[in-house]
Amino acid sequence: MTELLLGAYIFMLTIWVGNEVISKVPTTLHTPLMSGANAIHGIIVVGAMFVATAVPGPLGTVLGFLGVVLGTVNVVGGFVVTDRMLQMFRARPARAKTPEKK
């Protein structure tokens, strides 16, 4: 029972700390932060694979599979958002001038 309470306390603490950290990030740092988060979520996917193989029984398999799926969705979504944000900073091609009619 003590381990369950400790786990719940750590879980609530990580939610609070994560919210505090993310809410203080200025919008100009969003793209570099998203790239860093993609790297972290790649590590989470590997950890979820370890959980799927380490915990015996169907519960470990289901939790590991769910972790891999959610981590992968987060990685792919992060790369899509990062690519889209970086496209906003690319130079636009110059338009060809059309000759004026008289």
N, C-alpha and C. Protein backbone atom coordinates (compact mmCIF):
# COMPACT_ATOMS: atom_id res chain seq x y z
N MET A 1 0.82 -1.19 0.00
CA MET A 1 0.00 0.00 0.00
C MET A 1 0.87 1.26 0.00
N THR A 2 1.99 1.21 0.71
CA THR A 2 2.88 2.36 0.78
C THR A 2 3.48 2.65 -0.59
N GLU A 3 3.84 1.60 -1.34
CA GLU A 3 4.39 1.80 -2.68
C GLU A 3 3.36 2.44 -3.61
N LEU A 4 2.10 2.06 -3.47
CA LEU A 4 1.05 2.64 -4.29
C LEU A 4 0.87 4.13 -3.99
N LEU A 5 0.90 4.49 -2.72
CA LEU A 5 0.78 5.90 -2.34
C LEU A 5 1.99 6.70 -2.82
N LEU A 6 3.17 6.12 -2.69
CA LEU A 6 4.38 6.80 -3.17
C LEU A 6 4.32 6.99 -4.68
N GLY A 7 3.87 5.96 -5.41
CA GLY A 7 3.73 6.08 -6.86
C GLY A 7 2.71 7.14 -7.25
N ALA A 8 1.59 7.20 -6.53
CA ALA A 8 0.57 8.21 -6.81
C ALA A 8 1.10 9.61 -6.51
N TYR A 9 1.86 9.74 -5.43
CA TYR A 9 2.44 11.04 -5.08
C TYR A 9 3.42 11.50 -6.14
N ILE A 10 4.29 10.61 -6.61
CA ILE A 10 5.26 10.96 -7.64
C ILE A 10 4.55 11.32 -8.94
N PHE A 11 3.49 10.58 -9.27
CA PHE A 11 2.72 10.87 -10.48
C PHE A 11 2.10 12.26 -10.42
N MET A 12 1.49 12.60 -9.29
CA MET A 12 0.88 13.93 -9.15
C MET A 12 1.94 15.03 -9.16
N LEU A 13 3.08 14.75 -8.56
CA LEU A 13 4.18 15.73 -8.55
C LEU A 13 4.71 15.98 -9.95
N THR A 14 4.83 14.93 -10.77
CA THR A 14 5.32 15.12 -12.13
C THR A 14 4.31 15.88 -13.00
N ILE A 15 3.04 15.67 -12.76
CA ILE A 15 2.02 16.44 -13.49
C ILE A 15 2.14 17.91 -13.14
N TRP A 16 2.29 18.22 -11.87
CA TRP A 16 2.40 19.62 -11.43
C TRP A 16 3.67 20.27 -11.98
N VAL A 17 4.80 19.59 -11.87
CA VAL A 17 6.07 20.15 -12.36
C VAL A 17 6.02 20.33 -13.87
N GLY A 18 5.49 19.35 -14.59
CA GLY A 18 5.38 19.48 -16.05
C GLY A 18 4.52 20.65 -16.46
N ASN A 19 3.41 20.85 -15.77
CA ASN A 19 2.54 21.98 -16.06
C ASN A 19 3.25 23.31 -15.78
N GLU A 20 3.97 23.38 -14.70
CA GLU A 20 4.69 24.62 -14.36
C GLU A 20 5.78 24.92 -15.38
N VAL A 21 6.50 23.91 -15.81
CA VAL A 21 7.58 24.12 -16.78
C VAL A 21 7.03 24.54 -18.14
N ILE A 22 6.04 23.83 -18.63
CA ILE A 22 5.50 24.11 -19.96
C ILE A 22 4.79 25.46 -20.01
N SER A 23 4.11 25.83 -18.96
CA SER A 23 3.36 27.09 -18.99
C SER A 23 4.28 28.30 -18.99
N LYS A 24 5.53 28.15 -18.61
CA LYS A 24 6.46 29.28 -18.56
C LYS A 24 7.30 29.43 -19.83
N VAL A 25 7.10 28.58 -20.82
CA VAL A 25 7.91 28.63 -22.04
C VAL A 25 7.38 29.70 -22.98
N PRO A 26 8.24 30.65 -23.39
CA PRO A 26 7.77 31.66 -24.37
C PRO A 26 7.57 31.02 -25.75
N THR A 27 6.74 31.65 -26.55
CA THR A 27 6.40 31.08 -27.86
C THR A 27 7.61 31.00 -28.79
N THR A 28 8.61 31.85 -28.62
CA THR A 28 9.79 31.80 -29.50
C THR A 28 10.64 30.56 -29.26
N LEU A 29 10.48 29.93 -28.14
CA LEU A 29 11.26 28.73 -27.84
C LEU A 29 10.48 27.45 -28.11
N HIS A 30 9.30 27.56 -28.68
CA HIS A 30 8.47 26.38 -28.86
C HIS A 30 9.10 25.36 -29.81
N THR A 31 9.66 25.80 -30.95
CA THR A 31 10.23 24.87 -31.92
C THR A 31 11.44 24.13 -31.35
N PRO A 32 12.42 24.81 -30.73
CA PRO A 32 13.53 24.04 -30.14
C PRO A 32 13.07 23.11 -29.02
N LEU A 33 12.09 23.54 -28.25
CA LEU A 33 11.57 22.69 -27.18
C LEU A 33 10.89 21.47 -27.75
N MET A 34 10.17 21.63 -28.85
CA MET A 34 9.48 20.51 -29.48
C MET A 34 10.49 19.51 -30.02
N SER A 35 11.60 19.98 -30.57
CA SER A 35 12.64 19.07 -31.06
C SER A 35 13.25 18.28 -29.92
N GLY A 36 13.47 18.92 -28.79
CA GLY A 36 13.99 18.22 -27.62
C GLY A 36 12.99 17.21 -27.08
N ALA A 37 11.72 17.57 -27.11
CA ALA A 37 10.67 16.66 -26.63
C ALA A 37 10.58 15.43 -27.53
N ASN A 38 10.84 15.59 -28.83
CA ASN A 38 10.83 14.44 -29.73
C ASN A 38 11.92 13.45 -29.34
N ALA A 39 13.09 13.94 -28.98
CA ALA A 39 14.17 13.05 -28.56
C ALA A 39 13.79 12.32 -27.27
N ILE A 40 13.19 13.02 -26.34
CA ILE A 40 12.78 12.41 -25.08
C ILE A 40 11.71 11.35 -25.32
N HIS A 41 10.77 11.62 -26.20
CA HIS A 41 9.71 10.65 -26.47
C HIS A 41 10.24 9.43 -27.21
N GLY A 42 11.32 9.59 -27.96
CA GLY A 42 11.96 8.43 -28.56
C GLY A 42 12.51 7.50 -27.48
N ILE A 43 13.06 8.08 -26.42
CA ILE A 43 13.54 7.28 -25.30
C ILE A 43 12.37 6.62 -24.58
N ILE A 44 11.24 7.31 -24.49
CA ILE A 44 10.05 6.75 -23.86
C ILE A 44 9.54 5.54 -24.64
N VAL A 45 9.63 5.59 -25.96
CA VAL A 45 9.19 4.46 -26.78
C VAL A 45 10.07 3.24 -26.49
N VAL A 46 11.37 3.45 -26.38
CA VAL A 46 12.27 2.35 -26.06
C VAL A 46 11.96 1.80 -24.67
N GLY A 47 11.70 2.68 -23.70
CA GLY A 47 11.34 2.24 -22.36
C GLY A 47 10.05 1.44 -22.35
N ALA A 48 9.09 1.85 -23.15
CA ALA A 48 7.83 1.11 -23.23
C ALA A 48 8.04 -0.28 -23.82
N MET A 49 8.98 -0.40 -24.74
CA MET A 49 9.30 -1.72 -25.28
C MET A 49 9.89 -2.62 -24.19
N PHE A 50 10.73 -2.04 -23.35
CA PHE A 50 11.28 -2.81 -22.23
C PHE A 50 10.19 -3.23 -21.26
N VAL A 51 9.24 -2.34 -21.00
CA VAL A 51 8.13 -2.68 -20.10
C VAL A 51 7.32 -3.83 -20.69
N ALA A 52 7.09 -3.79 -21.98
CA ALA A 52 6.30 -4.84 -22.62
C ALA A 52 6.96 -6.21 -22.49
N THR A 53 8.28 -6.24 -22.47
CA THR A 53 8.97 -7.52 -22.36
C THR A 53 9.29 -7.90 -20.92
N ALA A 54 9.39 -6.94 -20.02
CA ALA A 54 9.83 -7.22 -18.65
C ALA A 54 8.70 -7.64 -17.73
N VAL A 55 7.52 -7.07 -17.91
CA VAL A 55 6.40 -7.37 -17.01
C VAL A 55 5.67 -8.60 -17.55
N PRO A 56 5.60 -9.67 -16.75
CA PRO A 56 4.95 -10.88 -17.25
C PRO A 56 3.42 -10.74 -17.28
N GLY A 57 2.83 -11.46 -18.18
CA GLY A 57 1.38 -11.49 -18.25
C GLY A 57 0.82 -10.50 -19.23
N PRO A 58 -0.49 -10.56 -19.40
CA PRO A 58 -1.12 -9.69 -20.39
C PRO A 58 -1.12 -8.21 -19.99
N LEU A 59 -1.09 -7.91 -18.71
CA LEU A 59 -1.10 -6.51 -18.29
C LEU A 59 0.16 -5.79 -18.76
N GLY A 60 1.31 -6.42 -18.61
CA GLY A 60 2.56 -5.82 -19.08
C GLY A 60 2.57 -5.63 -20.58
N THR A 61 2.03 -6.60 -21.30
CA THR A 61 1.98 -6.50 -22.76
C THR A 61 1.07 -5.36 -23.20
N VAL A 62 -0.08 -5.26 -22.57
CA VAL A 62 -1.03 -4.20 -22.93
C VAL A 62 -0.46 -2.83 -22.58
N LEU A 63 0.10 -2.69 -21.38
CA LEU A 63 0.67 -1.40 -20.98
C LEU A 63 1.86 -1.02 -21.85
N GLY A 64 2.70 -2.00 -22.16
CA GLY A 64 3.84 -1.73 -23.04
C GLY A 64 3.40 -1.33 -24.43
N PHE A 65 2.42 -2.05 -24.98
CA PHE A 65 1.91 -1.71 -26.31
C PHE A 65 1.29 -0.32 -26.32
N LEU A 66 0.52 -0.01 -25.29
CA LEU A 66 -0.10 1.31 -25.20
C LEU A 66 0.96 2.41 -25.09
N GLY A 67 2.00 2.14 -24.32
CA GLY A 67 3.10 3.11 -24.21
C GLY A 67 3.81 3.32 -25.52
N VAL A 68 4.04 2.24 -26.26
CA VAL A 68 4.70 2.36 -27.56
C VAL A 68 3.83 3.15 -28.53
N VAL A 69 2.54 2.84 -28.57
CA VAL A 69 1.63 3.53 -29.51
C VAL A 69 1.54 5.02 -29.17
N LEU A 70 1.31 5.35 -27.91
CA LEU A 70 1.17 6.75 -27.52
C LEU A 70 2.48 7.52 -27.70
N GLY A 71 3.60 6.89 -27.36
CA GLY A 71 4.89 7.54 -27.56
C GLY A 71 5.18 7.78 -29.02
N THR A 72 4.84 6.82 -29.87
CA THR A 72 5.07 6.97 -31.31
C THR A 72 4.19 8.07 -31.89
N VAL A 73 2.94 8.13 -31.46
CA VAL A 73 2.05 9.20 -31.93
C VAL A 73 2.61 10.56 -31.52
N ASN A 74 3.14 10.64 -30.32
CA ASN A 74 3.69 11.90 -29.84
C ASN A 74 4.95 12.29 -30.63
N VAL A 75 5.80 11.32 -30.95
CA VAL A 75 7.00 11.62 -31.73
C VAL A 75 6.63 12.10 -33.13
N VAL A 76 5.75 11.37 -33.79
CA VAL A 76 5.35 11.74 -35.16
C VAL A 76 4.66 13.10 -35.15
N GLY A 77 3.75 13.31 -34.21
CA GLY A 77 3.07 14.61 -34.13
C GLY A 77 4.04 15.74 -33.85
N GLY A 78 5.02 15.49 -33.02
CA GLY A 78 6.02 16.51 -32.73
C GLY A 78 6.83 16.88 -33.95
N PHE A 79 7.22 15.88 -34.75
CA PHE A 79 7.97 16.18 -35.97
C PHE A 79 7.10 16.92 -36.98
N VAL A 80 5.84 16.60 -37.06
CA VAL A 80 4.93 17.30 -37.98
C VAL A 80 4.80 18.76 -37.57
N VAL A 81 4.60 19.00 -36.28
CA VAL A 81 4.46 20.38 -35.80
C VAL A 81 5.77 21.15 -35.99
N THR A 82 6.90 20.52 -35.68
CA THR A 82 8.19 21.19 -35.85
C THR A 82 8.43 21.53 -37.31
N ASP A 83 8.14 20.60 -38.22
CA ASP A 83 8.33 20.87 -39.64
C ASP A 83 7.43 22.00 -40.11
N ARG A 84 6.21 21.99 -39.65
CA ARG A 84 5.27 23.04 -40.05
C ARG A 84 5.70 24.42 -39.52
N MET A 85 6.22 24.45 -38.30
CA MET A 85 6.68 25.72 -37.75
C MET A 85 7.93 26.21 -38.47
N LEU A 86 8.82 25.30 -38.84
CA LEU A 86 10.03 25.71 -39.55
C LEU A 86 9.72 26.19 -40.96
N GLN A 87 8.66 25.70 -41.57
CA GLN A 87 8.26 26.18 -42.90
C GLN A 87 7.84 27.64 -42.85
N MET A 88 7.40 28.10 -41.71
CA MET A 88 6.99 29.51 -41.60
C MET A 88 8.19 30.45 -41.73
N PHE A 89 9.40 29.94 -41.43
CA PHE A 89 10.59 30.79 -41.47
C PHE A 89 11.37 30.69 -42.76
N ARG A 90 10.93 29.84 -43.69
CA ARG A 90 11.61 29.71 -44.97
C ARG A 90 11.28 30.90 -45.86
N ALA A 91 12.26 31.25 -46.70
CA ALA A 91 12.03 32.35 -47.63
C ALA A 91 11.04 31.91 -48.70
N ARG A 92 10.12 32.77 -49.00
CA ARG A 92 9.14 32.46 -50.03
C ARG A 92 9.73 32.78 -51.40
N PRO A 93 9.41 31.98 -52.40
CA PRO A 93 9.95 32.26 -53.75
C PRO A 93 9.35 33.57 -54.29
N ALA A 94 10.17 34.30 -55.01
CA ALA A 94 9.73 35.58 -55.58
C ALA A 94 8.73 35.31 -56.70
N ARG A 95 7.71 36.13 -56.75
CA ARG A 95 6.72 36.00 -57.83
C ARG A 95 7.25 36.63 -59.11
N ALA A 96 6.92 36.00 -60.23
CA ALA A 96 7.31 36.55 -61.53
C ALA A 96 6.40 37.73 -61.84
N LYS A 97 7.00 38.81 -62.28
CA LYS A 97 6.23 40.00 -62.60
C LYS A 97 5.54 39.81 -63.96
N THR A 98 4.28 40.15 -64.00
CA THR A 98 3.54 40.07 -65.26
C THR A 98 3.65 41.41 -65.97
N PRO A 99 3.77 41.38 -67.29
CA PRO A 99 3.86 42.66 -68.02
C PRO A 99 2.56 43.44 -67.94
N GLU A 100 2.67 44.74 -67.79
CA GLU A 100 1.48 45.58 -67.69
C GLU A 100 0.88 45.79 -69.07
N LYS A 101 -0.45 45.80 -69.14
CA LYS A 101 -1.15 46.03 -70.41
C LYS A 101 -1.43 47.51 -70.55
N LYS A 102 -1.32 47.99 -71.80
CA LYS A 102 -1.62 49.41 -72.05
C LYS A 102 -2.90 49.58 -72.78
